[in-house]
Amino acid sequence: PSDYEGLLVELEATDGCTTLPFRKLMAARAFAQTAAYDSMISQ
């Protein structure tokens, strides 16, 4: 949820689009999230 504001700023700046750098950043955070989640479960 802390990234919602960044998403809305991105959409505002690009007329409803997202740029590749933004999507890459969000993908990196997403994989870190699932890695940490699976790590908690395995522990």
PDB file of all heavy atoms in Angstrom:
ATOM      1  N   PRO A   1       0.807  -1.227   0.000  1.00  0.00           N
ATOM      2  CA  PRO A   1       0.000   0.000   0.000  1.00  0.00           C
ATOM      3  C   PRO A   1       0.838   1.275   0.000  1.00  0.00           C
ATOM      4  O   PRO A   1       0.373   2.314  -0.480  1.00  0.00           O
ATOM      5  CB  PRO A   1      -0.814  -0.130   1.292  1.00  0.00           C
ATOM      6  CG  PRO A   1      -0.950  -1.609   1.516  1.00  0.00           C
ATOM      7  CD  PRO A   1       0.363  -2.183   1.054  1.00  0.00           C
ATOM      8  N   SER A   2       2.059   1.192   0.520  1.00  0.00           N
ATOM      9  CA  SER A   2       2.903   2.393   0.528  1.00  0.00           C
ATOM     10  C   SER A   2       3.313   2.812  -0.883  1.00  0.00           C
ATOM     11  O   SER A   2       3.791   3.930  -1.081  1.00  0.00           O
ATOM     12  CB  SER A   2       4.147   2.160   1.385  1.00  0.00           C
ATOM     13  OG  SER A   2       4.986   1.170   0.813  1.00  0.00           O
ATOM     14  N   ASP A   3       3.118   1.925  -1.871  1.00  0.00           N
ATOM     15  CA  ASP A   3       3.463   2.254  -3.257  1.00  0.00           C
ATOM     16  C   ASP A   3       2.274   2.784  -4.050  1.00  0.00           C
ATOM     17  O   ASP A   3       2.421   3.132  -5.226  1.00  0.00           O
ATOM     18  CB  ASP A   3       4.035   1.017  -3.968  1.00  0.00           C
ATOM     19  CG  ASP A   3       5.446   0.691  -3.516  1.00  0.00           C
ATOM     20  OD1 ASP A   3       6.217   1.632  -3.286  1.00  0.00           O
ATOM     21  OD2 ASP A   3       5.768  -0.507  -3.386  1.00  0.00           O
ATOM     22  N   TYR A   4       1.079   2.846  -3.425  1.00  0.00           N
ATOM     23  CA  TYR A   4      -0.098   3.332  -4.164  1.00  0.00           C
ATOM     24  C   TYR A   4       0.111   4.771  -4.624  1.00  0.00           C
ATOM     25  O   TYR A   4      -0.221   5.131  -5.769  1.00  0.00           O
ATOM     26  CB  TYR A   4      -1.359   3.252  -3.300  1.00  0.00           C
ATOM     27  CG  TYR A   4      -1.813   1.855  -2.943  1.00  0.00           C
ATOM     28  CD1 TYR A   4      -2.864   1.658  -2.042  1.00  0.00           C
ATOM     29  CD2 TYR A   4      -1.219   0.721  -3.501  1.00  0.00           C
ATOM     30  CE1 TYR A   4      -3.306   0.383  -1.711  1.00  0.00           C
ATOM     31  CE2 TYR A   4      -1.647  -0.561  -3.163  1.00  0.00           C
ATOM     32  CZ  TYR A   4      -2.684  -0.726  -2.257  1.00  0.00           C
ATOM     33  OH  TYR A   4      -3.123  -1.974  -1.919  1.00  0.00           O
ATOM     34  N   GLU A   5       0.621   5.590  -3.733  1.00  0.00           N
ATOM     35  CA  GLU A   5       0.816   7.000  -4.092  1.00  0.00           C
ATOM     36  C   GLU A   5       1.785   7.127  -5.265  1.00  0.00           C
ATOM     37  O   GLU A   5       1.560   7.913  -6.193  1.00  0.00           O
ATOM     38  CB  GLU A   5       1.340   7.782  -2.894  1.00  0.00           C
ATOM     39  CG  GLU A   5       1.510   9.265  -3.177  1.00  0.00           C
ATOM     40  CD  GLU A   5       2.005  10.061  -1.973  1.00  0.00           C
ATOM     41  OE1 GLU A   5       2.110   9.470  -0.872  1.00  0.00           O
ATOM     42  OE2 GLU A   5       2.301  11.266  -2.140  1.00  0.00           O
ATOM     43  N   GLY A   6       2.869   6.342  -5.243  1.00  0.00           N
ATOM     44  CA  GLY A   6       3.827   6.382  -6.347  1.00  0.00           C
ATOM     45  C   GLY A   6       3.201   5.950  -7.656  1.00  0.00           C
ATOM     46  O   GLY A   6       3.506   6.510  -8.726  1.00  0.00           O
ATOM     47  N   LEU A   7       2.311   4.960  -7.597  1.00  0.00           N
ATOM     48  CA  LEU A   7       1.608   4.518  -8.805  1.00  0.00           C
ATOM     49  C   LEU A   7       0.736   5.642  -9.368  1.00  0.00           C
ATOM     50  O   LEU A   7       0.748   5.905 -10.578  1.00  0.00           O
ATOM     51  CB  LEU A   7       0.741   3.302  -8.474  1.00  0.00           C
ATOM     52  CG  LEU A   7      -0.243   2.858  -9.557  1.00  0.00           C
ATOM     53  CD1 LEU A   7       0.492   2.384 -10.797  1.00  0.00           C
ATOM     54  CD2 LEU A   7      -1.183   1.765  -9.032  1.00  0.00           C
ATOM     55  N   LEU A   8       0.002   6.310  -8.488  1.00  0.00           N
ATOM     56  CA  LEU A   8      -0.883   7.373  -8.952  1.00  0.00           C
ATOM     57  C   LEU A   8      -0.098   8.562  -9.511  1.00  0.00           C
ATOM     58  O   LEU A   8      -0.523   9.187 -10.494  1.00  0.00           O
ATOM     59  CB  LEU A   8      -1.799   7.821  -7.808  1.00  0.00           C
ATOM     60  CG  LEU A   8      -2.774   6.740  -7.297  1.00  0.00           C
ATOM     61  CD1 LEU A   8      -3.616   7.276  -6.148  1.00  0.00           C
ATOM     62  CD2 LEU A   8      -3.660   6.230  -8.434  1.00  0.00           C
ATOM     63  N   VAL A   9       1.033   8.858  -8.908  1.00  0.00           N
ATOM     64  CA  VAL A   9       1.896   9.921  -9.438  1.00  0.00           C
ATOM     65  C   VAL A   9       2.389   9.537 -10.830  1.00  0.00           C
ATOM     66  O   VAL A   9       2.437  10.368 -11.755  1.00  0.00           O
ATOM     67  CB  VAL A   9       3.088  10.168  -8.484  1.00  0.00           C
ATOM     68  CG1 VAL A   9       4.136  11.064  -9.149  1.00  0.00           C
ATOM     69  CG2 VAL A   9       2.614  10.782  -7.174  1.00  0.00           C
ATOM     70  N   GLU A  10       2.761   8.263 -10.999  1.00  0.00           N
ATOM     71  CA  GLU A  10       3.214   7.772 -12.301  1.00  0.00           C
ATOM     72  C   GLU A  10       2.104   7.898 -13.345  1.00  0.00           C
ATOM     73  O   GLU A  10       2.348   8.361 -14.470  1.00  0.00           O
ATOM     74  CB  GLU A  10       3.654   6.304 -12.162  1.00  0.00           C
ATOM     75  CG  GLU A  10       4.060   5.626 -13.456  1.00  0.00           C
ATOM     76  CD  GLU A  10       5.479   5.915 -13.892  1.00  0.00           C
ATOM     77  OE1 GLU A  10       6.154   6.730 -13.221  1.00  0.00           O
ATOM     78  OE2 GLU A  10       5.929   5.341 -14.893  1.00  0.00           O
ATOM     79  N   LEU A  11       0.900   7.485 -12.993  1.00  0.00           N
ATOM     80  CA  LEU A  11      -0.213   7.570 -13.945  1.00  0.00           C
ATOM     81  C   LEU A  11      -0.529   9.014 -14.313  1.00  0.00           C
ATOM     82  O   LEU A  11      -0.849   9.323 -15.469  1.00  0.00           O
ATOM     83  CB  LEU A  11      -1.448   6.896 -13.343  1.00  0.00           C
ATOM     84  CG  LEU A  11      -1.353   5.378 -13.104  1.00  0.00           C
ATOM     85  CD1 LEU A  11      -2.609   4.874 -12.410  1.00  0.00           C
ATOM     86  CD2 LEU A  11      -1.124   4.632 -14.415  1.00  0.00           C
ATOM     87  N   GLU A  12      -0.434   9.898 -13.337  1.00  0.00           N
ATOM     88  CA  GLU A  12      -0.694  11.312 -13.598  1.00  0.00           C
ATOM     89  C   GLU A  12       0.357  11.904 -14.537  1.00  0.00           C
ATOM     90  O   GLU A  12       0.027  12.683 -15.451  1.00  0.00           O
ATOM     91  CB  GLU A  12      -0.706  12.083 -12.273  1.00  0.00           C
ATOM     92  CG  GLU A  12      -0.962  13.572 -12.405  1.00  0.00           C
ATOM     93  CD  GLU A  12      -2.361  13.899 -12.899  1.00  0.00           C
ATOM     94  OE1 GLU A  12      -3.285  13.070 -12.680  1.00  0.00           O
ATOM     95  OE2 GLU A  12      -2.530  14.961 -13.527  1.00  0.00           O
ATOM     96  N   ALA A  13       1.592  11.502 -14.337  1.00  0.00           N
ATOM     97  CA  ALA A  13       2.690  12.070 -15.131  1.00  0.00           C
ATOM     98  C   ALA A  13       2.718  11.547 -16.554  1.00  0.00           C
ATOM     99  O   ALA A  13       3.280  12.195 -17.449  1.00  0.00           O
ATOM    100  CB  ALA A  13       4.022  11.779 -14.438  1.00  0.00           C
ATOM    101  N   THR A  14       2.114  10.384 -16.782  1.00  0.00           N
ATOM    102  CA  THR A  14       2.218   9.748 -18.110  1.00  0.00           C
ATOM    103  C   THR A  14       0.856   9.548 -18.762  1.00  0.00           C
ATOM    104  O   THR A  14       0.723   8.711 -19.658  1.00  0.00           O
ATOM    105  CB  THR A  14       2.931   8.384 -17.983  1.00  0.00           C
ATOM    106  OG1 THR A  14       2.203   7.570 -17.051  1.00  0.00           O
ATOM    107  CG2 THR A  14       4.359   8.549 -17.506  1.00  0.00           C
ATOM    108  N   ASP A  15      -0.148  10.302 -18.289  1.00  0.00           N
ATOM    109  CA  ASP A  15      -1.490  10.252 -18.881  1.00  0.00           C
ATOM    110  C   ASP A  15      -2.060   8.834 -18.861  1.00  0.00           C
ATOM    111  O   ASP A  15      -2.529   8.308 -19.872  1.00  0.00           O
ATOM    112  CB  ASP A  15      -1.454  10.794 -20.317  1.00  0.00           C
ATOM    113  CG  ASP A  15      -2.869  11.105 -20.838  1.00  0.00           C
ATOM    114  OD1 ASP A  15      -3.762  11.316 -19.998  1.00  0.00           O
ATOM    115  OD2 ASP A  15      -3.053  11.106 -22.070  1.00  0.00           O
ATOM    116  N   GLY A  16      -1.992   8.204 -17.663  1.00  0.00           N
ATOM    117  CA  GLY A  16      -2.617   6.892 -17.489  1.00  0.00           C
ATOM    118  C   GLY A  16      -1.764   5.718 -17.888  1.00  0.00           C
ATOM    119  O   GLY A  16      -2.274   4.590 -18.002  1.00  0.00           O
ATOM    120  N   CYS A  17      -0.476   5.947 -18.075  1.00  0.00           N
ATOM    121  CA  CYS A  17       0.446   4.867 -18.444  1.00  0.00           C
ATOM    122  C   CYS A  17       1.443   4.626 -17.310  1.00  0.00           C
ATOM    123  O   CYS A  17       1.543   5.407 -16.359  1.00  0.00           O
ATOM    124  CB  CYS A  17       1.223   5.222 -19.710  1.00  0.00           C
ATOM    125  SG  CYS A  17       0.197   5.442 -21.175  1.00  0.00           S
ATOM    126  N   THR A  18       2.189   3.545 -17.430  1.00  0.00           N
ATOM    127  CA  THR A  18       3.365   3.333 -16.579  1.00  0.00           C
ATOM    128  C   THR A  18       4.573   3.148 -17.478  1.00  0.00           C
ATOM    129  O   THR A  18       4.470   2.581 -18.570  1.00  0.00           O
ATOM    130  CB  THR A  18       3.219   2.094 -15.669  1.00  0.00           C
ATOM    131  OG1 THR A  18       3.031   0.924 -16.467  1.00  0.00           O
ATOM    132  CG2 THR A  18       2.070   2.263 -14.694  1.00  0.00           C
ATOM    133  N   THR A  19       5.704   3.636 -17.015  1.00  0.00           N
ATOM    134  CA  THR A  19       6.937   3.529 -17.784  1.00  0.00           C
ATOM    135  C   THR A  19       7.680   2.251 -17.412  1.00  0.00           C
ATOM    136  O   THR A  19       7.473   1.676 -16.331  1.00  0.00           O
ATOM    137  CB  THR A  19       7.848   4.728 -17.525  1.00  0.00           C
ATOM    138  OG1 THR A  19       8.169   4.765 -16.132  1.00  0.00           O
ATOM    139  CG2 THR A  19       7.170   6.026 -17.934  1.00  0.00           C
ATOM    140  N   LEU A  20       8.573   1.820 -18.287  1.00  0.00           N
ATOM    141  CA  LEU A  20       9.344   0.607 -18.033  1.00  0.00           C
ATOM    142  C   LEU A  20      10.193   0.709 -16.762  1.00  0.00           C
ATOM    143  O   LEU A  20      10.219  -0.241 -15.962  1.00  0.00           O
ATOM    144  CB  LEU A  20      10.224   0.279 -19.238  1.00  0.00           C
ATOM    145  CG  LEU A  20      11.077  -1.000 -19.116  1.00  0.00           C
ATOM    146  CD1 LEU A  20      10.208  -2.219 -18.863  1.00  0.00           C
ATOM    147  CD2 LEU A  20      11.939  -1.183 -20.362  1.00  0.00           C
ATOM    148  N   PRO A  21      10.889   1.832 -16.509  1.00  0.00           N
ATOM    149  CA  PRO A  21      11.652   1.917 -15.257  1.00  0.00           C
ATOM    150  C   PRO A  21      10.782   1.725 -14.016  1.00  0.00           C
ATOM    151  O   PRO A  21      11.195   1.078 -13.058  1.00  0.00           O
ATOM    152  CB  PRO A  21      12.272   3.319 -15.305  1.00  0.00           C
ATOM    153  CG  PRO A  21      12.380   3.624 -16.762  1.00  0.00           C
ATOM    154  CD  PRO A  21      11.162   3.001 -17.374  1.00  0.00           C
ATOM    155  N   PHE A  22       9.562   2.272 -14.054  1.00  0.00           N
ATOM    156  CA  PHE A  22       8.667   2.106 -12.905  1.00  0.00           C
ATOM    157  C   PHE A  22       8.253   0.647 -12.765  1.00  0.00           C
ATOM    158  O   PHE A  22       8.237   0.097 -11.662  1.00  0.00           O
ATOM    159  CB  PHE A  22       7.429   2.994 -13.085  1.00  0.00           C
ATOM    160  CG  PHE A  22       6.452   2.902 -11.947  1.00  0.00           C
ATOM    161  CD1 PHE A  22       6.674   3.600 -10.770  1.00  0.00           C
ATOM    162  CD2 PHE A  22       5.318   2.093 -12.037  1.00  0.00           C
ATOM    163  CE1 PHE A  22       5.775   3.520  -9.702  1.00  0.00           C
ATOM    164  CE2 PHE A  22       4.422   2.002 -10.980  1.00  0.00           C
ATOM    165  CZ  PHE A  22       4.650   2.708  -9.810  1.00  0.00           C
ATOM    166  N   ARG A  23       7.923   0.007 -13.881  1.00  0.00           N
ATOM    167  CA  ARG A  23       7.493  -1.392 -13.817  1.00  0.00           C
ATOM    168  C   ARG A  23       8.636  -2.299 -13.357  1.00  0.00           C
ATOM    169  O   ARG A  23       8.415  -3.263 -12.615  1.00  0.00           O
ATOM    170  CB  ARG A  23       6.958  -1.844 -15.178  1.00  0.00           C
ATOM    171  CG  ARG A  23       5.695  -1.097 -15.612  1.00  0.00           C
ATOM    172  CD  ARG A  23       4.991  -1.798 -16.771  1.00  0.00           C
ATOM    173  NE  ARG A  23       5.822  -1.930 -17.958  1.00  0.00           N
ATOM    174  CZ  ARG A  23       6.000  -0.995 -18.874  1.00  0.00           C
ATOM    175  NH1 ARG A  23       5.392   0.199 -18.734  1.00  0.00           N
ATOM    176  NH2 ARG A  23       6.762  -1.204 -19.927  1.00  0.00           N
ATOM    177  N   LYS A  24       9.838  -1.981 -13.777  1.00  0.00           N
ATOM    178  CA  LYS A  24      10.997  -2.770 -13.321  1.00  0.00           C
ATOM    179  C   LYS A  24      11.203  -2.622 -11.815  1.00  0.00           C
ATOM    180  O   LYS A  24      11.492  -3.600 -11.114  1.00  0.00           O
ATOM    181  CB  LYS A  24      12.256  -2.332 -14.083  1.00  0.00           C
ATOM    182  CG  LYS A  24      12.282  -2.776 -15.535  1.00  0.00           C
ATOM    183  CD  LYS A  24      13.393  -2.101 -16.325  1.00  0.00           C
ATOM    184  CE  LYS A  24      14.759  -2.536 -15.884  1.00  0.00           C
ATOM    185  NZ  LYS A  24      15.818  -1.963 -16.746  1.00  0.00           N
ATOM    186  N   LEU A  25      11.049  -1.398 -11.315  1.00  0.00           N
ATOM    187  CA  LEU A  25      11.200  -1.167  -9.882  1.00  0.00           C
ATOM    188  C   LEU A  25      10.145  -1.939  -9.100  1.00  0.00           C
ATOM    189  O   LEU A  25      10.441  -2.596  -8.096  1.00  0.00           O
ATOM    190  CB  LEU A  25      11.069   0.333  -9.589  1.00  0.00           C
ATOM    191  CG  LEU A  25      11.053   0.731  -8.100  1.00  0.00           C
ATOM    192  CD1 LEU A  25      12.353   0.356  -7.419  1.00  0.00           C
ATOM    193  CD2 LEU A  25      10.785   2.228  -7.964  1.00  0.00           C
ATOM    194  N   MET A  26       8.887  -1.875  -9.564  1.00  0.00           N
ATOM    195  CA  MET A  26       7.806  -2.583  -8.883  1.00  0.00           C
ATOM    196  C   MET A  26       8.008  -4.104  -8.959  1.00  0.00           C
ATOM    197  O   MET A  26       7.695  -4.828  -8.006  1.00  0.00           O
ATOM    198  CB  MET A  26       6.455  -2.207  -9.495  1.00  0.00           C
ATOM    199  CG  MET A  26       6.018  -0.769  -9.248  1.00  0.00           C
ATOM    200  SD  MET A  26       5.762  -0.378  -7.483  1.00  0.00           S
ATOM    201  CE  MET A  26       7.277   0.508  -7.147  1.00  0.00           C
ATOM    202  N   ALA A  27       8.530  -4.599 -10.077  1.00  0.00           N
ATOM    203  CA  ALA A  27       8.791  -6.035 -10.207  1.00  0.00           C
ATOM    204  C   ALA A  27       9.868  -6.483  -9.223  1.00  0.00           C
ATOM    205  O   ALA A  27       9.749  -7.554  -8.602  1.00  0.00           O
ATOM    206  CB  ALA A  27       9.216  -6.359 -11.640  1.00  0.00           C
ATOM    207  N   ALA A  28      10.902  -5.674  -9.084  1.00  0.00           N
ATOM    208  CA  ALA A  28      11.958  -6.005  -8.130  1.00  0.00           C
ATOM    209  C   ALA A  28      11.405  -6.086  -6.716  1.00  0.00           C
ATOM    210  O   ALA A  28      11.719  -7.017  -5.955  1.00  0.00           O
ATOM    211  CB  ALA A  28      13.084  -4.970  -8.212  1.00  0.00           C
ATOM    212  N   ARG A  29      10.563  -5.124  -6.355  1.00  0.00           N
ATOM    213  CA  ARG A  29       9.962  -5.135  -5.014  1.00  0.00           C
ATOM    214  C   ARG A  29       9.021  -6.327  -4.850  1.00  0.00           C
ATOM    215  O   ARG A  29       8.926  -6.915  -3.774  1.00  0.00           O
ATOM    216  CB  ARG A  29       9.222  -3.825  -4.771  1.00  0.00           C
ATOM    217  CG  ARG A  29      10.144  -2.621  -4.636  1.00  0.00           C
ATOM    218  CD  ARG A  29       9.373  -1.325  -4.406  1.00  0.00           C
ATOM    219  NE  ARG A  29      10.295  -0.201  -4.279  1.00  0.00           N
ATOM    220  CZ  ARG A  29       9.920   1.067  -4.169  1.00  0.00           C
ATOM    221  NH1 ARG A  29       8.627   1.381  -4.148  1.00  0.00           N
ATOM    222  NH2 ARG A  29      10.822   2.027  -4.065  1.00  0.00           N
ATOM    223  N   ALA A  30       8.336  -6.683  -5.920  1.00  0.00           N
ATOM    224  CA  ALA A  30       7.396  -7.798  -5.858  1.00  0.00           C
ATOM    225  C   ALA A  30       8.120  -9.114  -5.616  1.00  0.00           C
ATOM    226  O   ALA A  30       7.691  -9.930  -4.786  1.00  0.00           O
ATOM    227  CB  ALA A  30       6.588  -7.864  -7.152  1.00  0.00           C
ATOM    228  N   PHE A  31       9.206  -9.347  -6.337  1.00  0.00           N
ATOM    229  CA  PHE A  31       9.948 -10.594  -6.130  1.00  0.00           C
ATOM    230  C   PHE A  31      10.591 -10.628  -4.743  1.00  0.00           C
ATOM    231  O   PHE A  31      10.683 -11.693  -4.119  1.00  0.00           O
ATOM    232  CB  PHE A  31      11.000 -10.784  -7.224  1.00  0.00           C
ATOM    233  CG  PHE A  31      10.438 -11.347  -8.502  1.00  0.00           C
ATOM    234  CD1 PHE A  31      10.515 -10.639  -9.686  1.00  0.00           C
ATOM    235  CD2 PHE A  31       9.823 -12.588  -8.516  1.00  0.00           C
ATOM    236  CE1 PHE A  31       9.988 -11.161 -10.864  1.00  0.00           C
ATOM    237  CE2 PHE A  31       9.297 -13.122  -9.689  1.00  0.00           C
ATOM    238  CZ  PHE A  31       9.375 -12.397 -10.885  1.00  0.00           C
ATOM    239  N   ALA A  32      11.031  -9.476  -4.256  1.00  0.00           N
ATOM    240  CA  ALA A  32      11.551  -9.428  -2.889  1.00  0.00           C
ATOM    241  C   ALA A  32      10.452  -9.780  -1.891  1.00  0.00           C
ATOM    242  O   ALA A  32      10.693 -10.465  -0.887  1.00  0.00           O
ATOM    243  CB  ALA A  32      12.119  -8.040  -2.590  1.00  0.00           C
ATOM    244  N   GLN A  33       9.225  -9.319  -2.178  1.00  0.00           N
ATOM    245  CA  GLN A  33       8.094  -9.601  -1.288  1.00  0.00           C
ATOM    246  C   GLN A  33       7.780 -11.093  -1.250  1.00  0.00           C
ATOM    247  O   GLN A  33       7.594 -11.677  -0.180  1.00  0.00           O
ATOM    248  CB  GLN A  33       6.874  -8.812  -1.766  1.00  0.00           C
ATOM    249  CG  GLN A  33       5.565  -9.166  -1.072  1.00  0.00           C
ATOM    250  CD  GLN A  33       5.530  -8.757   0.387  1.00  0.00           C
ATOM    251  OE1 GLN A  33       6.367  -7.977   0.822  1.00  0.00           O
ATOM    252  NE2 GLN A  33       4.592  -9.295   1.135  1.00  0.00           N
ATOM    253  N   THR A  34       7.701 -11.731  -2.418  1.00  0.00           N
ATOM    254  CA  THR A  34       7.370 -13.162  -2.426  1.00  0.00           C
ATOM    255  C   THR A  34       8.517 -13.992  -1.852  1.00  0.00           C
ATOM    256  O   THR A  34       8.267 -15.015  -1.200  1.00  0.00           O
ATOM    257  CB  THR A  34       7.033 -13.647  -3.845  1.00  0.00           C
ATOM    258  OG1 THR A  34       8.130 -13.362  -4.738  1.00  0.00           O
ATOM    259  CG2 THR A  34       5.774 -12.971  -4.365  1.00  0.00           C
ATOM    260  N   ALA A  35       9.749 -13.547  -2.075  1.00  0.00           N
ATOM    261  CA  ALA A  35      10.888 -14.261  -1.496  1.00  0.00           C
ATOM    262  C   ALA A  35      10.841 -14.208   0.027  1.00  0.00           C
ATOM    263  O   ALA A  35      11.045 -15.221   0.717  1.00  0.00           O
ATOM    264  CB  ALA A  35      12.199 -13.673  -2.004  1.00  0.00           C
ATOM    265  N   ALA A  36      10.563 -13.019   0.559  1.00  0.00           N
ATOM    266  CA  ALA A  36      10.483 -12.871   2.011  1.00  0.00           C
ATOM    267  C   ALA A  36       9.299 -13.664   2.568  1.00  0.00           C
ATOM    268  O   ALA A  36       9.398 -14.284   3.639  1.00  0.00           O
ATOM    269  CB  ALA A  36      10.344 -11.392   2.375  1.00  0.00           C
ATOM    270  N   TYR A  37       8.196 -13.657   1.849  1.00  0.00           N
ATOM    271  CA  TYR A  37       6.997 -14.381   2.287  1.00  0.00           C
ATOM    272  C   TYR A  37       7.273 -15.882   2.358  1.00  0.00           C
ATOM    273  O   TYR A  37       6.979 -16.543   3.369  1.00  0.00           O
ATOM    274  CB  TYR A  37       5.867 -14.087   1.316  1.00  0.00           C
ATOM    275  CG  TYR A  37       4.490 -14.516   1.774  1.00  0.00           C
ATOM    276  CD1 TYR A  37       3.795 -13.787   2.735  1.00  0.00           C
ATOM    277  CD2 TYR A  37       3.875 -15.638   1.230  1.00  0.00           C
ATOM    278  CE1 TYR A  37       2.519 -14.164   3.151  1.00  0.00           C
ATOM    279  CE2 TYR A  37       2.601 -16.029   1.636  1.00  0.00           C
ATOM    280  CZ  TYR A  37       1.931 -15.285   2.595  1.00  0.00           C
ATOM    281  OH  TYR A  37       0.675 -15.671   3.004  1.00  0.00           O
ATOM    282  N   ASP A  38       7.858 -16.421   1.310  1.00  0.00           N
ATOM    283  CA  ASP A  38       8.195 -17.846   1.304  1.00  0.00           C
ATOM    284  C   ASP A  38       9.229 -18.171   2.370  1.00  0.00           C
ATOM    285  O   ASP A  38       9.216 -19.256   2.959  1.00  0.00           O
ATOM    286  CB  ASP A  38       8.713 -18.262  -0.072  1.00  0.00           C
ATOM    287  CG  ASP A  38       7.594 -18.358  -1.100  1.00  0.00           C
ATOM    288  OD1 ASP A  38       6.421 -18.490  -0.688  1.00  0.00           O
ATOM    289  OD2 ASP A  38       7.885 -18.316  -2.307  1.00  0.00           O
ATOM    290  N   SER A  39      10.139 -17.230   2.601  1.00  0.00           N
ATOM    291  CA  SER A  39      11.151 -17.426   3.634  1.00  0.00           C
ATOM    292  C   SER A  39      10.505 -17.555   5.011  1.00  0.00           C
ATOM    293  O   SER A  39      10.872 -18.419   5.810  1.00  0.00           O
ATOM    294  CB  SER A  39      12.140 -16.267   3.624  1.00  0.00           C
ATOM    295  OG  SER A  39      12.989 -16.320   4.737  1.00  0.00           O
ATOM    296  N   MET A  40       9.526 -16.678   5.300  1.00  0.00           N
ATOM    297  CA  MET A  40       8.816 -16.764   6.581  1.00  0.00           C
ATOM    298  C   MET A  40       8.150 -18.126   6.746  1.00  0.00           C
ATOM    299  O   MET A  40       8.210 -18.740   7.811  1.00  0.00           O
ATOM    300  CB  MET A  40       7.756 -15.670   6.667  1.00  0.00           C
ATOM    301  CG  MET A  40       8.262 -14.300   7.022  1.00  0.00           C
ATOM    302  SD  MET A  40       6.880 -13.190   7.375  1.00  0.00           S
ATOM    303  CE  MET A  40       6.156 -13.006   5.750  1.00  0.00           C
ATOM    304  N   ILE A  41       7.528 -18.584   5.684  1.00  0.00           N
ATOM    305  CA  ILE A  41       6.827 -19.871   5.750  1.00  0.00           C
ATOM    306  C   ILE A  41       7.813 -21.005   5.967  1.00  0.00           C
ATOM    307  O   ILE A  41       7.585 -21.895   6.799  1.00  0.00           O
ATOM    308  CB  ILE A  41       5.999 -20.088   4.462  1.00  0.00           C
ATOM    309  CG1 ILE A  41       4.898 -19.028   4.369  1.00  0.00           C
ATOM    310  CG2 ILE A  41       5.402 -21.491   4.427  1.00  0.00           C
ATOM    311  CD1 ILE A  41       4.196 -18.976   3.027  1.00  0.00           C
ATOM    312  N   SER A  42       8.922 -20.976   5.237  1.00  0.00           N
ATOM    313  CA  SER A  42       9.918 -22.050   5.388  1.00  0.00           C
ATOM    314  C   SER A  42      10.517 -22.049   6.788  1.00  0.00           C
ATOM    315  O   SER A  42      10.760 -23.115   7.372  1.00  0.00           O
ATOM    316  CB  SER A  42      11.016 -21.908   4.330  1.00  0.00           C
ATOM    317  OG  SER A  42      11.882 -20.823   4.612  1.00  0.00           O
ATOM    318  N   GLN A  43      10.735 -20.863   7.348  1.00  0.00           N
ATOM    319  CA  GLN A  43      11.265 -20.790   8.707  1.00  0.00           C
ATOM    320  C   GLN A  43      10.270 -21.331   9.725  1.00  0.00           C
ATOM    321  O   GLN A  43      10.646 -22.028  10.663  1.00  0.00           O
ATOM    322  CB  GLN A  43      11.639 -19.352   9.045  1.00  0.00           C
ATOM    323  CG  GLN A  43      12.874 -18.848   8.318  1.00  0.00           C
ATOM    324  CD  GLN A  43      13.266 -17.446   8.763  1.00  0.00           C
ATOM    325  OE1 GLN A  43      13.269 -17.155   9.944  1.00  0.00           O
ATOM    326  NE2 GLN A  43      13.592 -16.585   7.818  1.00  0.00           N
TER     327      GLN A  43
END
